[in-house]
Amino acid sequence: MNIGNEIKKLALDNGVTLTYLAKCIEKEKGKAYSVQNLSAKLKKGTANFNELSIILKELGYQIKFEKK
């Protein structure tokens, strides 16, 4: 499973663009964050936990850890 593909699918299912998500990350982090940067990180699978948390929050999801 590639997290980048899953995020892109969730965004598409929710009618949200990567441009919008990049702007949300930029707002939360308080520094420039481009859609190209987001796209590259999703493609490479290098988005960090904070970025993924912001994205999922905007899509109406949360990260949850469950012990097996």
N, C-alpha and C. Protein backbone atom coordinates (compact mmCIF):
# COMPACT_ATOMS: atom_id res chain seq x y z
N MET A 1 0.85 -1.19 0.00
CA MET A 1 0.00 0.00 0.00
C MET A 1 0.89 1.24 0.00
N ASN A 2 0.59 2.14 -0.90
CA ASN A 2 1.31 3.40 -0.99
C ASN A 2 0.44 4.49 -0.37
N ILE A 3 0.94 5.13 0.67
CA ILE A 3 0.16 6.15 1.38
C ILE A 3 -0.20 7.32 0.46
N GLY A 4 0.70 7.66 -0.45
CA GLY A 4 0.43 8.75 -1.38
C GLY A 4 -0.78 8.47 -2.25
N ASN A 5 -0.87 7.25 -2.77
CA ASN A 5 -2.02 6.88 -3.60
C ASN A 5 -3.31 6.89 -2.79
N GLU A 6 -3.22 6.44 -1.55
CA GLU A 6 -4.40 6.43 -0.68
C GLU A 6 -4.88 7.86 -0.38
N ILE A 7 -3.94 8.75 -0.11
CA ILE A 7 -4.30 10.16 0.15
C ILE A 7 -4.93 10.78 -1.09
N LYS A 8 -4.34 10.53 -2.25
CA LYS A 8 -4.88 11.08 -3.50
C LYS A 8 -6.29 10.55 -3.75
N LYS A 9 -6.52 9.27 -3.46
CA LYS A 9 -7.85 8.69 -3.64
C LYS A 9 -8.85 9.32 -2.68
N LEU A 10 -8.46 9.49 -1.41
CA LEU A 10 -9.35 10.12 -0.44
C LEU A 10 -9.68 11.56 -0.85
N ALA A 11 -8.67 12.28 -1.35
CA ALA A 11 -8.89 13.65 -1.79
C ALA A 11 -9.89 13.67 -2.96
N LEU A 12 -9.68 12.80 -3.92
CA LEU A 12 -10.58 12.73 -5.07
C LEU A 12 -11.99 12.37 -4.64
N ASP A 13 -12.12 11.39 -3.75
CA ASP A 13 -13.43 10.97 -3.25
C ASP A 13 -14.16 12.09 -2.53
N ASN A 14 -13.39 13.00 -1.93
CA ASN A 14 -13.98 14.11 -1.17
C ASN A 14 -14.03 15.41 -1.95
N GLY A 15 -13.67 15.37 -3.23
CA GLY A 15 -13.73 16.57 -4.08
C GLY A 15 -12.73 17.64 -3.68
N VAL A 16 -11.58 17.23 -3.15
CA VAL A 16 -10.57 18.17 -2.68
C VAL A 16 -9.33 18.05 -3.57
N THR A 17 -8.77 19.18 -3.95
CA THR A 17 -7.58 19.16 -4.80
C THR A 17 -6.30 19.16 -3.97
N LEU A 18 -5.21 18.73 -4.60
CA LEU A 18 -3.91 18.79 -3.94
C LEU A 18 -3.51 20.24 -3.69
N THR A 19 -3.94 21.13 -4.56
CA THR A 19 -3.65 22.56 -4.37
C THR A 19 -4.26 23.04 -3.06
N TYR A 20 -5.50 22.67 -2.81
CA TYR A 20 -6.17 23.05 -1.56
C TYR A 20 -5.44 22.46 -0.36
N LEU A 21 -5.06 21.19 -0.45
CA LEU A 21 -4.36 20.54 0.66
C LEU A 21 -3.01 21.20 0.92
N ALA A 22 -2.31 21.57 -0.14
CA ALA A 22 -1.02 22.25 0.02
C ALA A 22 -1.21 23.58 0.74
N LYS A 23 -2.28 24.30 0.40
CA LYS A 23 -2.57 25.58 1.06
C LYS A 23 -2.91 25.37 2.54
N CYS A 24 -3.58 24.28 2.85
CA CYS A 24 -3.89 23.97 4.25
C CYS A 24 -2.62 23.69 5.03
N ILE A 25 -1.71 22.94 4.45
CA ILE A 25 -0.43 22.65 5.10
C ILE A 25 0.35 23.94 5.28
N GLU A 26 0.37 24.77 4.25
CA GLU A 26 1.07 26.06 4.32
C GLU A 26 0.52 26.91 5.46
N LYS A 27 -0.79 26.95 5.59
CA LYS A 27 -1.42 27.74 6.66
C LYS A 27 -1.06 27.20 8.04
N GLU A 28 -1.13 25.89 8.21
CA GLU A 28 -0.82 25.27 9.51
C GLU A 28 0.64 25.42 9.89
N LYS A 29 1.52 25.26 8.90
CA LYS A 29 2.96 25.34 9.18
C LYS A 29 3.46 26.78 9.24
N GLY A 30 2.73 27.69 8.63
CA GLY A 30 3.13 29.09 8.63
C GLY A 30 4.32 29.38 7.73
N LYS A 31 4.50 28.55 6.71
CA LYS A 31 5.57 28.79 5.74
C LYS A 31 5.16 28.25 4.39
N ALA A 32 5.84 28.70 3.34
CA ALA A 32 5.49 28.33 1.97
C ALA A 32 5.50 26.82 1.78
N TYR A 33 4.50 26.33 1.07
CA TYR A 33 4.38 24.90 0.80
C TYR A 33 3.64 24.76 -0.53
N SER A 34 4.33 24.28 -1.54
CA SER A 34 3.75 24.23 -2.89
C SER A 34 3.05 22.91 -3.17
N VAL A 35 2.16 22.95 -4.14
CA VAL A 35 1.48 21.74 -4.59
C VAL A 35 2.49 20.77 -5.20
N GLN A 36 3.54 21.31 -5.84
CA GLN A 36 4.58 20.45 -6.40
C GLN A 36 5.31 19.69 -5.30
N ASN A 37 5.56 20.37 -4.19
CA ASN A 37 6.21 19.74 -3.04
C ASN A 37 5.33 18.62 -2.48
N LEU A 38 4.05 18.91 -2.31
CA LEU A 38 3.12 17.91 -1.80
C LEU A 38 3.03 16.72 -2.75
N SER A 39 2.88 16.99 -4.02
CA SER A 39 2.76 15.92 -5.00
C SER A 39 4.00 15.02 -5.00
N ALA A 40 5.18 15.62 -4.93
CA ALA A 40 6.43 14.85 -4.91
C ALA A 40 6.52 14.00 -3.64
N LYS A 41 6.14 14.57 -2.50
CA LYS A 41 6.20 13.82 -1.24
C LYS A 41 5.23 12.65 -1.24
N LEU A 42 4.04 12.85 -1.81
CA LEU A 42 3.07 11.77 -1.88
C LEU A 42 3.55 10.68 -2.84
N LYS A 43 4.14 11.09 -3.95
CA LYS A 43 4.65 10.13 -4.93
C LYS A 43 5.78 9.29 -4.35
N LYS A 44 6.70 9.94 -3.61
CA LYS A 44 7.85 9.26 -3.03
C LYS A 44 7.53 8.58 -1.71
N GLY A 45 6.41 8.95 -1.10
CA GLY A 45 6.05 8.39 0.20
C GLY A 45 6.86 9.00 1.33
N THR A 46 7.23 10.27 1.18
CA THR A 46 8.08 10.92 2.18
C THR A 46 7.36 12.02 2.98
N ALA A 47 6.03 12.11 2.85
CA ALA A 47 5.29 13.09 3.66
C ALA A 47 5.44 12.72 5.13
N ASN A 48 5.63 13.72 5.97
CA ASN A 48 5.82 13.42 7.40
C ASN A 48 4.48 13.33 8.13
N PHE A 49 4.56 12.89 9.36
CA PHE A 49 3.36 12.67 10.18
C PHE A 49 2.52 13.93 10.30
N ASN A 50 3.15 15.06 10.53
CA ASN A 50 2.44 16.33 10.68
C ASN A 50 1.68 16.68 9.40
N GLU A 51 2.33 16.53 8.26
CA GLU A 51 1.68 16.82 6.99
C GLU A 51 0.49 15.90 6.76
N LEU A 52 0.67 14.61 7.03
CA LEU A 52 -0.42 13.66 6.86
C LEU A 52 -1.57 13.95 7.81
N SER A 53 -1.26 14.37 9.03
CA SER A 53 -2.30 14.71 10.00
C SER A 53 -3.14 15.89 9.51
N ILE A 54 -2.48 16.90 8.96
CA ILE A 54 -3.18 18.07 8.43
C ILE A 54 -4.08 17.67 7.27
N ILE A 55 -3.54 16.88 6.35
CA ILE A 55 -4.30 16.43 5.19
C ILE A 55 -5.52 15.64 5.62
N LEU A 56 -5.32 14.67 6.49
CA LEU A 56 -6.44 13.83 6.91
C LEU A 56 -7.49 14.62 7.68
N LYS A 57 -7.06 15.59 8.49
CA LYS A 57 -8.01 16.44 9.20
C LYS A 57 -8.89 17.19 8.20
N GLU A 58 -8.28 17.73 7.16
CA GLU A 58 -9.03 18.47 6.14
C GLU A 58 -10.00 17.58 5.37
N LEU A 59 -9.66 16.29 5.28
CA LEU A 59 -10.52 15.35 4.57
C LEU A 59 -11.56 14.70 5.48
N GLY A 60 -11.50 15.04 6.77
CA GLY A 60 -12.47 14.52 7.72
C GLY A 60 -12.08 13.19 8.34
N TYR A 61 -10.78 12.88 8.34
CA TYR A 61 -10.28 11.64 8.92
C TYR A 61 -9.30 11.95 10.04
N GLN A 62 -8.94 10.93 10.78
CA GLN A 62 -7.92 11.08 11.82
C GLN A 62 -7.02 9.85 11.81
N ILE A 63 -5.83 10.02 12.31
CA ILE A 63 -4.91 8.90 12.45
C ILE A 63 -5.18 8.26 13.80
N LYS A 64 -5.32 6.95 13.80
CA LYS A 64 -5.61 6.25 15.04
C LYS A 64 -4.68 5.04 15.14
N PHE A 65 -4.02 4.89 16.28
CA PHE A 65 -3.15 3.75 16.51
C PHE A 65 -3.90 2.74 17.36
N GLU A 66 -3.90 1.50 16.90
CA GLU A 66 -4.55 0.43 17.65
C GLU A 66 -3.56 -0.70 17.85
N LYS A 67 -3.50 -1.21 19.05
CA LYS A 67 -2.64 -2.35 19.35
C LYS A 67 -3.31 -3.61 18.83
N LYS A 68 -2.52 -4.48 18.26
CA LYS A 68 -3.05 -5.75 17.75
C LYS A 68 -3.51 -6.64 18.87
